[in-house]
Amino acid sequence: MRAYRSGLSLLAVAAGLMLGAPRPALAQAGSGAPSSSSTPGICSGGGCVPRADCQSGATLCSAFPDHPAYDPNVEFRKGAAALKAGDFKTARVEFDKVLYLSPTNSDVLYALGVADLGLGDLAGGKDAFERALKWNPKQILAARELAITDLKLGQPGKASLQLAALKARAAKCGGGCREAADLKDAIDAIETAQARADRS
């Protein structure tokens, strides 16, 4: 539960960030009428796939057939509460709803990855953390969890890259920036996971 609980402080921050963020129009999430496909997901250029980022020319998927007016703040709070309660399946559903409206929100992508890990879906967690870092390369928790997930997936080289990047940021920070404690915690967590992986 360590990795899952660690995300809760960020969830509170992210919820605050989302309050007052403009809600994107549904038309921006895709174009055309809902797809007739029965595959759950959000959108893609070539059809419906789970949680894919929306691109131009995308088609809305049947996961949201009625273009519901989701309030991302409400859905995010539901997801955060479910995550805290260990209901990872519900958390993932709620975070998917938020991402339907805001597919590039790195905080929600991080939270989605935490839910995926809780469900034992390492590949899903890795994908979500990578997407979070794509939109916000400075997100410390996503970098930490991506590195630890890479170790679990037998990819120590990729984990080492994340660790090196975090160490470089920590060195530049010199212990005097507001991220210093978070960087130290992330580095310690990855090094602990590395040591555990080396022993196994």
N, C-alpha and C. Protein backbone atom coordinates (compact mmCIF):
# COMPACT_ATOMS: atom_id res chain seq x y z
N MET A 1 0.82 -1.22 0.00
CA MET A 1 0.00 0.00 0.00
C MET A 1 0.85 1.27 0.00
N ARG A 2 2.20 1.17 0.19
CA ARG A 2 3.00 2.37 0.26
C ARG A 2 2.84 3.25 -0.96
N ALA A 3 2.97 2.63 -2.15
CA ALA A 3 2.92 3.42 -3.38
C ALA A 3 1.56 4.05 -3.58
N TYR A 4 0.52 3.38 -3.11
CA TYR A 4 -0.82 3.88 -3.34
C TYR A 4 -1.14 5.02 -2.38
N ARG A 5 -0.75 4.88 -1.14
CA ARG A 5 -1.02 5.94 -0.17
C ARG A 5 -0.20 7.19 -0.47
N SER A 6 0.98 6.98 -1.09
CA SER A 6 1.86 8.12 -1.32
C SER A 6 1.24 9.14 -2.24
N GLY A 7 0.28 8.72 -3.05
CA GLY A 7 -0.31 9.64 -3.99
C GLY A 7 -1.40 10.52 -3.42
N LEU A 8 -1.84 10.25 -2.22
CA LEU A 8 -3.01 10.95 -1.71
C LEU A 8 -2.75 12.43 -1.48
N SER A 9 -1.54 12.80 -1.05
CA SER A 9 -1.27 14.22 -0.85
C SER A 9 -1.31 14.96 -2.17
N LEU A 10 -0.80 14.34 -3.22
CA LEU A 10 -0.86 14.99 -4.53
C LEU A 10 -2.29 15.10 -5.00
N LEU A 11 -3.11 14.11 -4.67
CA LEU A 11 -4.51 14.15 -5.10
C LEU A 11 -5.19 15.37 -4.50
N ALA A 12 -4.88 15.67 -3.26
CA ALA A 12 -5.49 16.84 -2.64
C ALA A 12 -5.03 18.12 -3.33
N VAL A 13 -3.76 18.17 -3.67
CA VAL A 13 -3.23 19.34 -4.37
C VAL A 13 -3.88 19.46 -5.74
N ALA A 14 -3.94 18.31 -6.44
CA ALA A 14 -4.50 18.33 -7.78
C ALA A 14 -5.96 18.74 -7.77
N ALA A 15 -6.70 18.30 -6.75
CA ALA A 15 -8.10 18.67 -6.67
C ALA A 15 -8.23 20.18 -6.52
N GLY A 16 -7.34 20.75 -5.74
CA GLY A 16 -7.36 22.20 -5.58
C GLY A 16 -7.01 22.91 -6.86
N LEU A 17 -6.07 22.35 -7.61
CA LEU A 17 -5.68 22.96 -8.87
C LEU A 17 -6.82 22.93 -9.88
N MET A 18 -7.62 21.87 -9.81
CA MET A 18 -8.69 21.73 -10.79
C MET A 18 -9.85 22.66 -10.51
N LEU A 19 -10.03 23.04 -9.25
CA LEU A 19 -11.12 23.96 -8.93
C LEU A 19 -10.86 25.27 -9.64
N GLY A 20 -11.68 25.73 -10.44
CA GLY A 20 -11.44 26.97 -11.14
C GLY A 20 -10.73 26.80 -12.47
N ALA A 21 -10.30 25.56 -12.78
CA ALA A 21 -9.74 25.33 -14.10
C ALA A 21 -10.88 25.29 -15.10
N PRO A 22 -10.69 25.91 -16.26
CA PRO A 22 -11.78 25.93 -17.24
C PRO A 22 -12.12 24.54 -17.73
N ARG A 23 -13.41 24.26 -17.85
CA ARG A 23 -13.83 22.97 -18.36
C ARG A 23 -13.77 23.00 -19.88
N PRO A 24 -13.02 22.07 -20.49
CA PRO A 24 -12.95 22.07 -21.94
C PRO A 24 -14.27 21.63 -22.53
N ALA A 25 -14.59 22.18 -23.68
CA ALA A 25 -15.82 21.78 -24.36
C ALA A 25 -15.70 20.34 -24.81
N LEU A 26 -16.80 19.61 -24.76
CA LEU A 26 -16.76 18.22 -25.17
C LEU A 26 -16.31 18.10 -26.61
N ALA A 27 -16.58 19.09 -27.42
CA ALA A 27 -16.18 19.02 -28.82
C ALA A 27 -14.67 18.95 -28.97
N GLN A 28 -13.95 19.42 -27.94
CA GLN A 28 -12.50 19.37 -28.01
C GLN A 28 -11.98 17.98 -27.73
N ALA A 29 -12.79 17.14 -27.14
CA ALA A 29 -12.33 15.80 -26.80
C ALA A 29 -12.46 14.85 -27.96
N GLY A 30 -13.12 15.23 -29.01
CA GLY A 30 -13.27 14.35 -30.15
C GLY A 30 -14.19 15.01 -31.13
N SER A 31 -14.42 14.38 -32.25
CA SER A 31 -15.30 14.98 -33.23
C SER A 31 -16.30 13.96 -33.71
N GLY A 32 -17.45 14.44 -34.16
CA GLY A 32 -18.44 13.53 -34.70
C GLY A 32 -19.33 12.95 -33.64
N ALA A 33 -20.20 12.06 -34.05
CA ALA A 33 -21.13 11.40 -33.15
C ALA A 33 -20.44 10.27 -32.42
N PRO A 34 -21.03 9.76 -31.34
CA PRO A 34 -20.43 8.65 -30.62
C PRO A 34 -20.24 7.46 -31.54
N SER A 35 -19.15 6.74 -31.32
CA SER A 35 -18.86 5.57 -32.13
C SER A 35 -19.83 4.45 -31.81
N SER A 36 -20.05 3.59 -32.77
CA SER A 36 -20.92 2.45 -32.54
C SER A 36 -20.17 1.29 -31.91
N SER A 37 -18.86 1.46 -31.77
CA SER A 37 -18.06 0.39 -31.18
C SER A 37 -18.47 0.14 -29.74
N SER A 38 -18.35 -1.11 -29.31
CA SER A 38 -18.68 -1.45 -27.94
C SER A 38 -17.44 -1.48 -27.06
N THR A 39 -16.29 -1.17 -27.61
CA THR A 39 -15.06 -1.18 -26.85
C THR A 39 -15.03 -0.01 -25.89
N PRO A 40 -14.84 -0.26 -24.58
CA PRO A 40 -14.78 0.86 -23.64
C PRO A 40 -13.52 1.66 -23.86
N GLY A 41 -13.61 2.95 -23.68
CA GLY A 41 -12.43 3.78 -23.82
C GLY A 41 -12.81 5.22 -24.02
N ILE A 42 -11.89 5.98 -24.50
CA ILE A 42 -12.16 7.40 -24.70
C ILE A 42 -12.08 7.75 -26.17
N CYS A 43 -10.93 7.78 -26.78
CA CYS A 43 -10.88 8.11 -28.19
C CYS A 43 -9.52 7.83 -28.78
N SER A 44 -9.48 7.74 -30.08
CA SER A 44 -8.23 7.64 -30.81
C SER A 44 -8.53 7.96 -32.26
N GLY A 45 -7.49 8.17 -33.03
CA GLY A 45 -7.72 8.50 -34.42
C GLY A 45 -8.31 7.35 -35.22
N GLY A 46 -8.03 6.12 -34.81
CA GLY A 46 -8.48 4.99 -35.60
C GLY A 46 -9.57 4.16 -34.96
N GLY A 47 -10.09 4.57 -33.85
CA GLY A 47 -11.12 3.78 -33.19
C GLY A 47 -11.07 3.97 -31.70
N CYS A 48 -11.77 3.13 -30.96
CA CYS A 48 -11.87 3.28 -29.51
C CYS A 48 -10.82 2.43 -28.82
N VAL A 49 -10.07 3.06 -27.94
CA VAL A 49 -9.10 2.35 -27.13
C VAL A 49 -9.14 2.93 -25.73
N PRO A 50 -8.82 2.13 -24.70
CA PRO A 50 -8.90 2.63 -23.33
C PRO A 50 -7.97 3.80 -23.07
N ARG A 51 -8.51 4.89 -22.59
CA ARG A 51 -7.77 6.03 -22.07
C ARG A 51 -6.75 6.62 -23.03
N ALA A 52 -6.96 6.51 -24.32
CA ALA A 52 -6.01 7.10 -25.27
C ALA A 52 -6.20 8.61 -25.32
N ASP A 53 -5.13 9.34 -25.49
CA ASP A 53 -5.24 10.78 -25.61
C ASP A 53 -5.99 11.13 -26.89
N CYS A 54 -6.86 12.14 -26.81
CA CYS A 54 -7.64 12.54 -27.97
C CYS A 54 -6.78 13.35 -28.93
N GLN A 55 -6.87 13.05 -30.17
CA GLN A 55 -6.17 13.78 -31.21
C GLN A 55 -7.18 14.31 -32.21
N SER A 56 -6.73 15.11 -33.11
CA SER A 56 -7.65 15.67 -34.11
C SER A 56 -8.24 14.55 -34.94
N GLY A 57 -9.51 14.68 -35.24
CA GLY A 57 -10.19 13.67 -36.04
C GLY A 57 -10.62 12.44 -35.25
N ALA A 58 -10.51 12.52 -33.92
CA ALA A 58 -10.87 11.36 -33.11
C ALA A 58 -12.38 11.21 -33.02
N THR A 59 -12.80 10.04 -32.66
CA THR A 59 -14.22 9.74 -32.51
C THR A 59 -14.52 9.38 -31.07
N LEU A 60 -15.58 9.95 -30.53
CA LEU A 60 -15.96 9.63 -29.16
C LEU A 60 -16.35 8.17 -29.07
N CYS A 61 -16.06 7.57 -27.94
CA CYS A 61 -16.32 6.14 -27.77
C CYS A 61 -17.58 5.88 -26.95
N SER A 62 -18.00 4.63 -27.02
CA SER A 62 -19.27 4.27 -26.40
C SER A 62 -19.20 4.25 -24.88
N ALA A 63 -18.01 4.42 -24.30
CA ALA A 63 -17.92 4.50 -22.84
C ALA A 63 -18.72 5.69 -22.32
N PHE A 64 -18.87 6.72 -23.15
CA PHE A 64 -19.60 7.92 -22.79
C PHE A 64 -20.57 8.26 -23.92
N PRO A 65 -21.56 7.40 -24.17
CA PRO A 65 -22.39 7.55 -25.37
C PRO A 65 -23.30 8.76 -25.40
N ASP A 66 -23.63 9.30 -24.25
CA ASP A 66 -24.60 10.39 -24.21
C ASP A 66 -23.95 11.76 -23.99
N HIS A 67 -22.64 11.83 -24.19
CA HIS A 67 -21.93 13.08 -23.96
C HIS A 67 -22.28 13.67 -22.60
N PRO A 68 -22.16 12.91 -21.52
CA PRO A 68 -22.58 13.42 -20.21
C PRO A 68 -21.76 14.63 -19.80
N ALA A 69 -22.40 15.54 -19.10
CA ALA A 69 -21.73 16.75 -18.64
C ALA A 69 -21.04 16.47 -17.31
N TYR A 70 -19.97 15.71 -17.35
CA TYR A 70 -19.23 15.40 -16.13
C TYR A 70 -18.61 16.67 -15.57
N ASP A 71 -18.66 16.79 -14.25
CA ASP A 71 -17.95 17.85 -13.56
C ASP A 71 -16.61 17.24 -13.13
N PRO A 72 -15.50 17.66 -13.71
CA PRO A 72 -14.22 17.02 -13.40
C PRO A 72 -13.84 17.12 -11.93
N ASN A 73 -14.25 18.19 -11.27
CA ASN A 73 -13.93 18.33 -9.85
C ASN A 73 -14.66 17.28 -9.02
N VAL A 74 -15.93 17.07 -9.33
CA VAL A 74 -16.72 16.07 -8.60
C VAL A 74 -16.18 14.67 -8.86
N GLU A 75 -15.93 14.36 -10.13
CA GLU A 75 -15.45 13.03 -10.48
C GLU A 75 -14.06 12.78 -9.88
N PHE A 76 -13.24 13.82 -9.85
CA PHE A 76 -11.91 13.65 -9.27
C PHE A 76 -12.00 13.35 -7.78
N ARG A 77 -12.88 14.09 -7.09
CA ARG A 77 -13.02 13.85 -5.65
C ARG A 77 -13.55 12.45 -5.39
N LYS A 78 -14.46 11.98 -6.23
CA LYS A 78 -14.95 10.60 -6.09
C LYS A 78 -13.81 9.60 -6.28
N GLY A 79 -12.97 9.86 -7.28
CA GLY A 79 -11.85 8.97 -7.53
C GLY A 79 -10.85 8.98 -6.39
N ALA A 80 -10.56 10.18 -5.85
CA ALA A 80 -9.62 10.28 -4.74
C ALA A 80 -10.14 9.56 -3.51
N ALA A 81 -11.45 9.69 -3.24
CA ALA A 81 -12.05 9.01 -2.09
C ALA A 81 -11.99 7.50 -2.28
N ALA A 82 -12.26 7.05 -3.50
CA ALA A 82 -12.20 5.61 -3.78
C ALA A 82 -10.78 5.09 -3.64
N LEU A 83 -9.82 5.87 -4.11
CA LEU A 83 -8.42 5.48 -4.00
C LEU A 83 -8.01 5.35 -2.54
N LYS A 84 -8.41 6.33 -1.73
CA LYS A 84 -8.08 6.30 -0.31
C LYS A 84 -8.70 5.10 0.39
N ALA A 85 -9.90 4.71 -0.09
CA ALA A 85 -10.59 3.56 0.51
C ALA A 85 -10.10 2.22 -0.04
N GLY A 86 -9.19 2.26 -1.01
CA GLY A 86 -8.69 1.03 -1.60
C GLY A 86 -9.60 0.44 -2.66
N ASP A 87 -10.58 1.22 -3.10
CA ASP A 87 -11.47 0.77 -4.17
C ASP A 87 -10.88 1.24 -5.50
N PHE A 88 -9.89 0.51 -5.96
CA PHE A 88 -9.12 0.94 -7.12
C PHE A 88 -9.92 0.89 -8.41
N LYS A 89 -10.84 -0.05 -8.51
CA LYS A 89 -11.66 -0.15 -9.72
C LYS A 89 -12.52 1.09 -9.89
N THR A 90 -13.20 1.50 -8.82
CA THR A 90 -14.02 2.72 -8.88
C THR A 90 -13.15 3.94 -9.14
N ALA A 91 -11.98 3.99 -8.49
CA ALA A 91 -11.08 5.12 -8.69
C ALA A 91 -10.70 5.25 -10.16
N ARG A 92 -10.38 4.13 -10.78
CA ARG A 92 -9.98 4.17 -12.18
C ARG A 92 -11.12 4.66 -13.07
N VAL A 93 -12.33 4.21 -12.79
CA VAL A 93 -13.49 4.67 -13.57
C VAL A 93 -13.67 6.17 -13.43
N GLU A 94 -13.58 6.69 -12.21
CA GLU A 94 -13.78 8.12 -11.98
C GLU A 94 -12.68 8.95 -12.63
N PHE A 95 -11.44 8.49 -12.54
CA PHE A 95 -10.35 9.23 -13.15
C PHE A 95 -10.47 9.21 -14.68
N ASP A 96 -10.97 8.11 -15.22
CA ASP A 96 -11.21 8.04 -16.67
C ASP A 96 -12.22 9.12 -17.09
N LYS A 97 -13.21 9.34 -16.26
CA LYS A 97 -14.21 10.36 -16.58
C LYS A 97 -13.57 11.74 -16.63
N VAL A 98 -12.66 12.01 -15.68
CA VAL A 98 -11.99 13.30 -15.68
C VAL A 98 -11.12 13.44 -16.92
N LEU A 99 -10.43 12.36 -17.27
CA LEU A 99 -9.54 12.41 -18.42
C LEU A 99 -10.30 12.52 -19.73
N TYR A 100 -11.55 12.12 -19.72
CA TYR A 100 -12.40 12.31 -20.90
C TYR A 100 -12.52 13.79 -21.23
N LEU A 101 -12.58 14.61 -20.17
CA LEU A 101 -12.69 16.06 -20.35
C LEU A 101 -11.33 16.74 -20.41
N SER A 102 -10.34 16.16 -19.75
CA SER A 102 -9.03 16.78 -19.67
C SER A 102 -7.94 15.72 -19.83
N PRO A 103 -7.75 15.21 -21.05
CA PRO A 103 -6.87 14.06 -21.27
C PRO A 103 -5.39 14.33 -21.03
N THR A 104 -4.99 15.58 -20.87
CA THR A 104 -3.58 15.87 -20.65
C THR A 104 -3.28 16.31 -19.22
N ASN A 105 -4.24 16.13 -18.31
CA ASN A 105 -4.03 16.53 -16.92
C ASN A 105 -3.08 15.55 -16.25
N SER A 106 -1.85 15.99 -16.00
CA SER A 106 -0.82 15.09 -15.49
C SER A 106 -1.12 14.60 -14.08
N ASP A 107 -1.79 15.40 -13.26
CA ASP A 107 -2.12 14.97 -11.90
C ASP A 107 -3.12 13.83 -11.92
N VAL A 108 -4.11 13.92 -12.81
CA VAL A 108 -5.11 12.86 -12.91
C VAL A 108 -4.48 11.61 -13.52
N LEU A 109 -3.59 11.78 -14.48
CA LEU A 109 -2.90 10.63 -15.07
C LEU A 109 -2.07 9.92 -14.01
N TYR A 110 -1.42 10.69 -13.13
CA TYR A 110 -0.69 10.07 -12.02
C TYR A 110 -1.64 9.27 -11.13
N ALA A 111 -2.76 9.89 -10.78
CA ALA A 111 -3.74 9.21 -9.91
C ALA A 111 -4.26 7.95 -10.58
N LEU A 112 -4.47 8.01 -11.89
CA LEU A 112 -4.92 6.83 -12.63
C LEU A 112 -3.89 5.72 -12.54
N GLY A 113 -2.61 6.10 -12.66
CA GLY A 113 -1.56 5.10 -12.54
C GLY A 113 -1.54 4.43 -11.18
N VAL A 114 -1.78 5.22 -10.14
CA VAL A 114 -1.84 4.65 -8.79
C VAL A 114 -2.99 3.64 -8.69
N ALA A 115 -4.13 3.98 -9.27
CA ALA A 115 -5.27 3.05 -9.27
C ALA A 115 -4.93 1.79 -10.04
N ASP A 116 -4.26 1.94 -11.18
CA ASP A 116 -3.86 0.77 -11.97
C ASP A 116 -2.94 -0.15 -11.16
N LEU A 117 -1.98 0.44 -10.46
CA LEU A 117 -1.08 -0.37 -9.64
C LEU A 117 -1.87 -1.11 -8.55
N GLY A 118 -2.85 -0.42 -7.99
CA GLY A 118 -3.67 -1.06 -6.96
C GLY A 118 -4.42 -2.26 -7.48
N LEU A 119 -4.73 -2.24 -8.77
CA LEU A 119 -5.42 -3.37 -9.41
C LEU A 119 -4.44 -4.41 -9.93
N GLY A 120 -3.16 -4.18 -9.71
CA GLY A 120 -2.16 -5.13 -10.18
C GLY A 120 -1.82 -4.97 -11.65
N ASP A 121 -2.25 -3.88 -12.25
CA ASP A 121 -2.01 -3.63 -13.67
C ASP A 121 -0.74 -2.79 -13.82
N LEU A 122 0.41 -3.46 -13.80
CA LEU A 122 1.67 -2.74 -13.89
C LEU A 122 1.84 -2.02 -15.22
N ALA A 123 1.43 -2.67 -16.29
CA ALA A 123 1.56 -2.05 -17.62
C ALA A 123 0.68 -0.80 -17.71
N GLY A 124 -0.53 -0.88 -17.16
CA GLY A 124 -1.42 0.27 -17.16
C GLY A 124 -0.86 1.41 -16.33
N GLY A 125 -0.29 1.06 -15.17
CA GLY A 125 0.32 2.07 -14.32
C GLY A 125 1.49 2.74 -15.02
N LYS A 126 2.33 1.94 -15.64
CA LYS A 126 3.49 2.47 -16.37
C LYS A 126 3.03 3.44 -17.46
N ASP A 127 2.01 3.05 -18.21
CA ASP A 127 1.50 3.89 -19.28
C ASP A 127 0.99 5.22 -18.73
N ALA A 128 0.24 5.16 -17.64
CA ALA A 128 -0.31 6.39 -17.06
C ALA A 128 0.79 7.30 -16.54
N PHE A 129 1.81 6.73 -15.87
CA PHE A 129 2.90 7.55 -15.36
C PHE A 129 3.71 8.18 -16.50
N GLU A 130 3.92 7.42 -17.58
CA GLU A 130 4.64 7.96 -18.73
C GLU A 130 3.86 9.12 -19.36
N ARG A 131 2.56 8.97 -19.44
CA ARG A 131 1.74 10.04 -20.01
C ARG A 131 1.73 11.26 -19.09
N ALA A 132 1.71 11.02 -17.78
CA ALA A 132 1.77 12.15 -16.83
C ALA A 132 3.07 12.93 -17.03
N LEU A 133 4.17 12.22 -17.20
CA LEU A 133 5.46 12.87 -17.39
C LEU A 133 5.58 13.51 -18.76
N LYS A 134 4.85 12.99 -19.71
CA LYS A 134 4.85 13.62 -21.03
C LYS A 134 4.31 15.05 -20.94
N TRP A 135 3.24 15.21 -20.15
CA TRP A 135 2.61 16.51 -20.04
C TRP A 135 3.21 17.37 -18.94
N ASN A 136 3.88 16.74 -17.98
CA ASN A 136 4.53 17.48 -16.90
C ASN A 136 5.81 16.74 -16.50
N PRO A 137 6.91 16.97 -17.21
CA PRO A 137 8.15 16.24 -16.95
C PRO A 137 8.71 16.46 -15.54
N LYS A 138 8.23 17.45 -14.83
CA LYS A 138 8.77 17.74 -13.49
C LYS A 138 7.98 17.07 -12.37
N GLN A 139 7.01 16.26 -12.70
CA GLN A 139 6.17 15.64 -11.68
C GLN A 139 6.96 14.55 -10.95
N ILE A 140 7.32 14.82 -9.73
CA ILE A 140 8.22 13.95 -8.98
C ILE A 140 7.58 12.60 -8.67
N LEU A 141 6.35 12.59 -8.20
CA LEU A 141 5.71 11.34 -7.82
C LEU A 141 5.54 10.40 -9.02
N ALA A 142 5.20 10.95 -10.16
CA ALA A 142 5.05 10.11 -11.35
C ALA A 142 6.39 9.51 -11.74
N ALA A 143 7.46 10.30 -11.66
CA ALA A 143 8.80 9.80 -11.97
C ALA A 143 9.20 8.69 -11.01
N ARG A 144 8.91 8.89 -9.74
CA ARG A 144 9.24 7.87 -8.74
C ARG A 144 8.49 6.58 -9.00
N GLU A 145 7.16 6.68 -9.19
CA GLU A 145 6.37 5.47 -9.38
C GLU A 145 6.68 4.78 -10.71
N LEU A 146 7.04 5.58 -11.74
CA LEU A 146 7.43 4.98 -13.01
C LEU A 146 8.71 4.16 -12.83
N ALA A 147 9.69 4.71 -12.12
CA ALA A 147 10.94 3.99 -11.89
C ALA A 147 10.70 2.70 -11.12
N ILE A 148 9.89 2.77 -10.07
CA ILE A 148 9.62 1.58 -9.26
C ILE A 148 8.84 0.55 -10.08
N THR A 149 7.92 1.02 -10.90
CA THR A 149 7.15 0.10 -11.75
C THR A 149 8.07 -0.54 -12.79
N ASP A 150 8.99 0.24 -13.35
CA ASP A 150 9.95 -0.33 -14.31
C ASP A 150 10.77 -1.44 -13.66
N LEU A 151 11.16 -1.25 -12.41
CA LEU A 151 11.90 -2.29 -11.70
C LEU A 151 11.06 -3.56 -11.56
N LYS A 152 9.80 -3.40 -11.24
CA LYS A 152 8.91 -4.56 -11.10
C LYS A 152 8.70 -5.27 -12.43
N LEU A 153 8.80 -4.50 -13.52
CA LEU A 153 8.63 -5.07 -14.85
C LEU A 153 9.94 -5.60 -15.42
N GLY A 154 10.99 -5.58 -14.61
CA GLY A 154 12.28 -6.09 -15.07
C GLY A 154 13.00 -5.18 -16.02
N GLN A 155 12.84 -3.86 -15.84
CA GLN A 155 13.48 -2.87 -16.71
C GLN A 155 14.33 -1.92 -15.86
N PRO A 156 15.41 -2.44 -15.26
CA PRO A 156 16.23 -1.61 -14.35
C PRO A 156 16.90 -0.44 -15.05
N GLY A 157 17.23 -0.59 -16.34
CA GLY A 157 17.87 0.50 -17.06
C GLY A 157 16.98 1.73 -17.13
N LYS A 158 15.70 1.51 -17.39
CA LYS A 158 14.76 2.63 -17.46
C LYS A 158 14.58 3.26 -16.08
N ALA A 159 14.56 2.43 -15.05
CA ALA A 159 14.45 2.96 -13.69
C ALA A 159 15.65 3.82 -13.34
N SER A 160 16.83 3.39 -13.80
CA SER A 160 18.05 4.15 -13.52
C SER A 160 18.02 5.52 -14.18
N LEU A 161 17.40 5.61 -15.35
CA LEU A 161 17.30 6.90 -16.03
C LEU A 161 16.45 7.87 -15.22
N GLN A 162 15.33 7.39 -14.68
CA GLN A 162 14.49 8.25 -13.84
C GLN A 162 15.23 8.67 -12.58
N LEU A 163 15.94 7.71 -11.98
CA LEU A 163 16.69 8.02 -10.76
C LEU A 163 17.76 9.07 -11.03
N ALA A 164 18.48 8.92 -12.15
CA ALA A 164 19.53 9.88 -12.48
C ALA A 164 18.95 11.28 -12.69
N ALA A 165 17.79 11.35 -13.34
CA ALA A 165 17.16 12.66 -13.57
C ALA A 165 16.74 13.30 -12.26
N LEU A 166 16.20 12.49 -11.34
CA LEU A 166 15.80 13.03 -10.04
C LEU A 166 17.02 13.49 -9.23
N LYS A 167 18.11 12.72 -9.31
CA LYS A 167 19.32 13.11 -8.59
C LYS A 167 19.90 14.41 -9.15
N ALA A 168 19.82 14.57 -10.46
CA ALA A 168 20.31 15.80 -11.07
C ALA A 168 19.50 17.00 -10.59
N ARG A 169 18.18 16.81 -10.50
CA ARG A 169 17.32 17.89 -10.00
C ARG A 169 17.63 18.20 -8.54
N ALA A 170 17.86 17.14 -7.76
CA ALA A 170 18.17 17.34 -6.34
C ALA A 170 19.49 18.08 -6.17
N ALA A 171 20.48 17.74 -7.00
CA ALA A 171 21.78 18.41 -6.91
C ALA A 171 21.65 19.88 -7.27
N LYS A 172 20.86 20.15 -8.29
CA LYS A 172 20.64 21.55 -8.69
C LYS A 172 19.89 22.31 -7.60
N CYS A 173 18.97 21.61 -6.95
CA CYS A 173 18.18 22.22 -5.88
C CYS A 173 19.06 22.54 -4.68
N GLY A 174 19.99 21.62 -4.38
CA GLY A 174 20.91 21.84 -3.27
C GLY A 174 20.25 21.81 -1.90
N GLY A 175 19.07 21.25 -1.82
CA GLY A 175 18.38 21.17 -0.54
C GLY A 175 17.66 22.43 -0.15
N GLY A 176 17.72 23.45 -0.99
CA GLY A 176 17.10 24.72 -0.63
C GLY A 176 15.82 25.06 -1.36
N CYS A 177 15.40 24.20 -2.28
CA CYS A 177 14.17 24.48 -3.02
C CYS A 177 12.98 23.82 -2.34
N ARG A 178 11.78 24.22 -2.73
CA ARG A 178 10.59 23.69 -2.06
C ARG A 178 10.33 22.23 -2.40
N GLU A 179 11.01 21.71 -3.44
CA GLU A 179 10.84 20.31 -3.82
C GLU A 179 11.89 19.40 -3.19
N ALA A 180 12.77 19.95 -2.39
CA ALA A 180 13.91 19.18 -1.87
C ALA A 180 13.47 17.91 -1.15
N ALA A 181 12.51 18.03 -0.25
CA ALA A 181 12.07 16.86 0.53
C ALA A 181 11.42 15.81 -0.37
N ASP A 182 10.60 16.26 -1.32
CA ASP A 182 9.96 15.31 -2.24
C ASP A 182 11.00 14.60 -3.11
N LEU A 183 11.99 15.34 -3.56
CA LEU A 183 13.05 14.72 -4.37
C LEU A 183 13.81 13.68 -3.56
N LYS A 184 14.15 14.02 -2.33
CA LYS A 184 14.88 13.07 -1.47
C LYS A 184 14.04 11.82 -1.23
N ASP A 185 12.76 12.00 -0.93
CA ASP A 185 11.88 10.85 -0.69
C ASP A 185 11.80 9.96 -1.93
N ALA A 186 11.70 10.57 -3.10
CA ALA A 186 11.60 9.81 -4.35
C ALA A 186 12.88 9.04 -4.61
N ILE A 187 14.01 9.70 -4.43
CA ILE A 187 15.31 9.04 -4.64
C ILE A 187 15.48 7.87 -3.68
N ASP A 188 15.16 8.09 -2.41
CA ASP A 188 15.27 7.02 -1.40
C ASP A 188 14.37 5.84 -1.76
N ALA A 189 13.14 6.13 -2.20
CA ALA A 189 12.19 5.07 -2.53
C ALA A 189 12.69 4.24 -3.72
N ILE A 190 13.23 4.90 -4.73
CA ILE A 190 13.73 4.17 -5.90
C ILE A 190 14.95 3.34 -5.53
N GLU A 191 15.86 3.91 -4.75
CA GLU A 191 17.06 3.16 -4.36
C GLU A 191 16.70 1.97 -3.49
N THR A 192 15.70 2.12 -2.63
CA THR A 192 15.23 0.98 -1.84
C THR A 192 14.65 -0.11 -2.74
N ALA A 193 13.87 0.30 -3.73
CA ALA A 193 13.29 -0.66 -4.67
C ALA A 193 14.38 -1.33 -5.50
N GLN A 194 15.42 -0.58 -5.86
CA GLN A 194 16.53 -1.16 -6.61
C GLN A 194 17.23 -2.23 -5.79
N ALA A 195 17.50 -1.92 -4.53
CA ALA A 195 18.17 -2.88 -3.64
C ALA A 195 17.34 -4.14 -3.48
N ARG A 196 16.01 -3.96 -3.37
CA ARG A 196 15.12 -5.10 -3.25
C ARG A 196 15.14 -5.95 -4.53
N ALA A 197 15.17 -5.27 -5.67
CA ALA A 197 15.18 -5.99 -6.94
C ALA A 197 16.50 -6.74 -7.12
N ASP A 198 17.60 -6.14 -6.66
CA ASP A 198 18.90 -6.79 -6.78
C ASP A 198 18.98 -8.06 -5.93
N ARG A 199 18.27 -8.06 -4.81
CA ARG A 199 18.30 -9.23 -3.91
C ARG A 199 17.41 -10.36 -4.42
N SER A 200 16.45 -10.03 -5.25
CA SER A 200 15.50 -11.07 -5.70
C SER A 200 16.04 -11.86 -6.89
